Amino acid sequence: MDRTLKDPVIHIFFAFLAPLNKSNSIVVNALPTKHGPLDEVGESIAKMSKETANKEKRFSCDVCKIKFRYRSQLDIHKRRHNGEKPFKCESCGNQFFTKSELNSHKLVHIHERPHECRICGTKFKRQSHLSQHMRTHSEERPFECEICKQAFKHKNYLTRHLRSHSEERPFECKICKQAFKHTHHLTRHLRSHSDERPFGCEKCKQVFKYKYNLNPANRL
């Protein structure tokens, strides 16, 4: 017996069919029974899904006529016809059609360190890291303070130095709100709020909060 699926409970079961039928009212020849297969309903779903999918593929490739649902998919597909590979691997120079292809390729290099220091043999993943390292073997100091003209090998050293010319104290203790110019000063200060004693004397086995206490002259 033909029956229109108007019942709210049945509509929940067939909610995924709503985009396929604007009336939200689907007529089938046979409803599924407790033990029966969903043959007719399944065929109806498959047919309607296929028809809808074909209708949604509005963007066609001029070369091979393959159709896509979204223009972005078509744009990516066209790269395979014209050879455009905009995603380049920084490690080996290989290029790829999509970012996902590049990300998959990067797994090949995950443990590689192809950039080697000719002086000490230390290896790095990136050329930029090697360039920074090479300054440790030279007197090159490209980062100069505009105030006092003191020069540094690395940019982060200059950034830290510049705080000595200002009242900026960006590192604040969450316990007492005291602020510091440098993160290592905050780290040292935090020991005053705890029982941490990381510095031990090898001779007498005493432990101290601060490194300078290891010198007997500083213990008074």
Protein backbone atom coordinates (compact mmCIF):
# COMPACT_ATOMS: atom_id res chain seq x y z
CA MET A 1 0.00 0.00 0.00
CA ASP A 2 1.31 3.40 -0.97
CA ARG A 3 1.99 5.62 1.96
CA THR A 4 3.33 9.16 2.25
CA LEU A 5 6.06 9.60 4.85
CA LYS A 6 4.52 12.46 6.80
CA ASP A 7 4.96 10.98 10.27
CA PRO A 8 7.53 13.01 12.35
CA VAL A 9 9.31 9.90 13.60
CA ILE A 10 9.68 8.53 10.08
CA HIS A 11 10.93 11.94 8.95
CA ILE A 12 13.76 11.73 11.47
CA PHE A 13 14.77 8.40 9.90
CA PHE A 14 14.69 9.97 6.44
CA ALA A 15 16.02 13.40 7.46
CA PHE A 16 19.03 13.02 5.17
CA LEU A 17 16.66 12.90 2.21
CA ALA A 18 15.44 16.44 2.84
CA PRO A 19 17.99 18.10 0.52
CA LEU A 20 16.98 15.68 -2.22
CA ASN A 21 13.27 16.47 -2.11
CA LYS A 22 12.12 20.00 -1.33
CA SER A 23 8.64 18.81 -0.38
CA ASN A 24 10.09 16.69 2.45
CA SER A 25 7.41 14.17 1.51
CA ILE A 26 8.61 10.99 -0.18
CA VAL A 27 6.30 8.31 -1.53
CA VAL A 28 7.52 4.72 -1.57
CA ASN A 29 5.78 1.52 -2.58
CA ALA A 30 6.84 -0.49 0.41
CA LEU A 31 7.92 0.53 3.89
CA PRO A 32 10.71 -1.44 5.56
CA THR A 33 9.45 -4.04 8.01
CA LYS A 34 11.20 -5.16 11.14
CA HIS A 35 12.94 -8.02 9.37
CA GLY A 36 12.58 -6.98 5.72
CA PRO A 37 15.30 -5.49 3.48
CA LEU A 38 15.31 -1.85 2.42
CA ASP A 39 15.42 -2.77 -1.27
CA GLU A 40 12.97 -0.27 -2.76
CA VAL A 41 13.88 2.52 -0.38
CA GLY A 42 17.59 1.89 -0.97
CA GLU A 43 17.16 1.97 -4.75
CA SER A 44 15.23 5.22 -4.46
CA ILE A 45 17.93 6.80 -2.31
CA ALA A 46 20.73 5.67 -4.63
CA LYS A 47 18.93 6.95 -7.73
CA MET A 48 18.07 10.32 -6.23
CA SER A 49 21.58 10.77 -4.77
CA LYS A 50 23.18 10.08 -8.16
CA GLU A 51 20.87 12.48 -9.97
CA THR A 52 21.46 15.21 -7.39
CA ALA A 53 25.24 14.73 -7.45
CA ASN A 54 25.28 15.07 -11.24
CA LYS A 55 23.20 18.22 -11.10
CA GLU A 56 25.57 19.79 -8.55
CA LYS A 57 28.67 19.28 -10.72
CA ARG A 58 28.39 22.55 -12.61
CA PHE A 59 32.08 23.27 -13.26
CA SER A 60 33.48 21.47 -16.30
CA CYS A 61 37.12 21.10 -17.40
CA ASP A 62 37.65 22.51 -20.91
CA VAL A 63 40.29 19.89 -21.66
CA CYS A 64 38.92 16.55 -20.45
CA LYS A 65 35.29 17.51 -19.69
CA ILE A 66 35.42 16.13 -16.12
CA LYS A 67 32.92 17.98 -13.95
CA PHE A 68 33.35 19.25 -10.40
CA ARG A 69 31.03 20.42 -7.69
CA TYR A 70 33.15 23.43 -6.73
CA ARG A 71 35.22 25.86 -8.76
CA SER A 72 38.17 25.41 -6.39
CA GLN A 73 38.22 21.70 -7.30
CA LEU A 74 38.28 22.59 -10.98
CA ASP A 75 41.13 25.07 -10.46
CA ILE A 76 43.23 22.40 -8.74
CA HIS A 77 42.40 19.90 -11.50
CA LYS A 78 43.51 22.33 -14.23
CA ARG A 79 47.00 22.45 -12.72
CA ARG A 80 47.51 18.85 -13.81
CA HIS A 81 46.87 19.86 -17.43
CA ASN A 82 49.11 22.94 -17.47
CA GLY A 83 51.81 21.55 -15.16
CA GLU A 84 51.46 24.32 -12.57
CA LYS A 85 52.94 23.22 -9.22
CA PRO A 86 52.74 26.15 -6.80
CA PHE A 87 53.72 24.25 -3.65
CA LYS A 88 57.48 23.83 -3.26
CA CYS A 89 59.38 21.71 -0.74
CA GLU A 90 61.95 23.85 1.09
CA SER A 91 64.16 20.84 1.75
CA CYS A 92 64.65 19.36 -1.72
CA GLY A 93 62.98 21.79 -4.14
CA ASN A 94 60.36 19.35 -5.43
CA GLN A 95 57.06 20.98 -6.39
CA PHE A 96 53.49 19.75 -6.06
CA PHE A 97 50.00 20.46 -7.37
CA THR A 98 48.31 20.69 -3.95
CA LYS A 99 49.28 21.57 -0.41
CA SER A 100 48.14 18.15 0.82
CA GLU A 101 50.56 16.48 -1.62
CA LEU A 102 53.36 18.67 -0.29
CA ASN A 103 52.49 17.84 3.33
CA SER A 104 52.55 14.12 2.53
CA HIS A 105 55.93 14.52 0.83
CA LYS A 106 57.42 16.37 3.83
CA LEU A 107 57.20 13.17 5.86
CA VAL A 108 60.13 11.90 3.77
CA HIS A 109 62.34 14.65 5.22
CA ILE A 110 61.08 14.54 8.82
CA HIS A 111 64.34 13.09 10.18
CA GLU A 112 66.66 14.55 7.55
CA ARG A 113 69.20 17.26 8.34
CA PRO A 114 70.74 17.97 4.92
CA HIS A 115 72.45 21.27 5.79
CA GLU A 116 75.82 20.54 7.43
CA CYS A 117 78.30 22.94 8.98
CA ARG A 118 81.67 22.51 7.25
CA ILE A 119 83.52 23.58 10.38
CA CYS A 120 82.05 21.45 13.18
CA GLY A 121 79.81 19.01 11.31
CA THR A 122 76.57 20.03 13.04
CA LYS A 123 73.57 19.35 10.80
CA PHE A 124 70.35 21.34 10.41
CA LYS A 125 66.98 20.88 8.75
CA ARG A 126 66.91 24.34 7.20
CA GLN A 127 69.47 26.49 5.44
CA SER A 128 68.42 29.49 7.56
CA HIS A 129 69.28 27.55 10.73
CA LEU A 130 72.72 26.73 9.35
CA SER A 131 73.27 30.39 8.47
CA GLN A 132 72.50 31.41 12.05
CA HIS A 133 74.81 28.70 13.37
CA MET A 134 77.72 29.82 11.17
CA ARG A 135 77.88 33.09 13.13
CA THR A 136 79.10 31.13 16.14
CA HIS A 137 82.27 30.40 14.14
CA SER A 138 82.81 34.00 13.03
CA GLU A 139 82.88 37.55 14.35
CA GLU A 140 79.88 38.55 12.24
CA ARG A 141 77.41 40.58 14.30
CA PRO A 142 74.74 41.89 11.91
CA PHE A 143 72.24 43.05 14.56
CA GLU A 144 73.24 46.45 15.96
CA CYS A 145 71.60 48.45 18.73
CA GLU A 146 70.65 51.90 17.41
CA ILE A 147 71.07 53.43 20.86
CA CYS A 148 74.51 52.26 22.00
CA LYS A 149 75.79 50.66 18.77
CA GLN A 150 76.51 47.34 20.50
CA ALA A 151 76.22 44.52 17.96
CA PHE A 152 74.95 40.96 18.32
CA LYS A 153 75.13 37.70 16.40
CA HIS A 154 71.45 36.88 16.72
CA LYS A 155 68.28 38.99 16.58
CA ASN A 156 66.88 37.60 19.82
CA TYR A 157 70.06 38.75 21.61
CA LEU A 158 69.44 42.28 20.34
CA THR A 159 65.79 42.13 21.42
CA ARG A 160 66.83 41.11 24.91
CA HIS A 161 69.52 43.83 25.02
CA LEU A 162 67.07 46.59 24.02
CA ARG A 163 65.18 46.09 27.28
CA SER A 164 68.22 47.44 29.12
CA HIS A 165 67.47 50.81 27.51
CA SER A 166 63.82 50.84 28.56
CA GLU A 167 61.57 50.23 31.53
CA GLU A 168 59.77 47.39 29.78
CA ARG A 169 59.33 44.40 32.10
CA PRO A 170 57.23 41.85 30.18
CA PHE A 171 57.86 38.86 32.46
CA GLU A 172 55.61 39.01 35.52
CA CYS A 173 55.46 36.69 38.52
CA LYS A 174 51.92 35.33 38.85
CA ILE A 175 52.35 34.95 42.61
CA CYS A 176 53.61 38.39 43.74
CA LYS A 177 53.21 40.37 40.49
CA GLN A 178 56.85 41.45 40.47
CA ALA A 179 58.00 42.03 36.89
CA PHE A 180 61.34 41.39 35.20
CA LYS A 181 63.09 42.38 32.01
CA HIS A 182 64.34 38.90 31.16
CA THR A 183 62.77 35.47 31.42
CA HIS A 184 65.77 33.93 33.22
CA HIS A 185 65.42 36.58 35.93
CA LEU A 186 61.81 35.52 36.44
CA THR A 187 62.84 31.85 36.54
CA ARG A 188 65.38 32.60 39.26
CA HIS A 189 62.86 34.70 41.20
CA LEU A 190 60.23 31.93 41.18
CA ARG A 191 62.53 29.79 43.32
CA SER A 192 61.94 32.24 46.17
CA HIS A 193 58.34 31.02 46.22
CA SER A 194 59.26 27.33 46.28
CA ASP A 195 61.57 24.80 47.90
CA GLU A 196 63.34 24.04 44.64
CA ARG A 197 67.11 23.76 45.12
CA PRO A 198 68.62 22.73 41.78
CA PHE A 199 72.27 23.50 42.60
CA GLY A 200 74.17 20.91 44.63
CA CYS A 201 77.70 20.95 46.02
CA GLU A 202 79.64 17.83 45.00
CA LYS A 203 81.85 17.96 48.12
CA CYS A 204 79.40 18.54 50.98
CA LYS A 205 76.18 17.54 49.21
CA GLN A 206 74.44 20.76 50.29
CA VAL A 207 71.84 22.06 47.85
CA PHE A 208 71.01 25.67 47.05
CA LYS A 209 68.36 27.71 45.28
CA TYR A 210 70.88 29.85 43.43
CA LYS A 211 74.08 28.99 41.60
CA TYR A 212 76.14 31.75 43.23
CA ASN A 213 75.57 30.07 46.63
CA LEU A 214 77.87 27.24 45.50
CA ASN A 215 80.76 29.60 46.22
CA PRO A 216 81.36 29.47 50.00
CA ALA A 217 82.18 33.18 50.00
CA ASN A 218 78.62 33.96 48.89
CA ARG A 219 76.81 31.90 51.53
CA LEU A 220 76.99 34.52 54.26
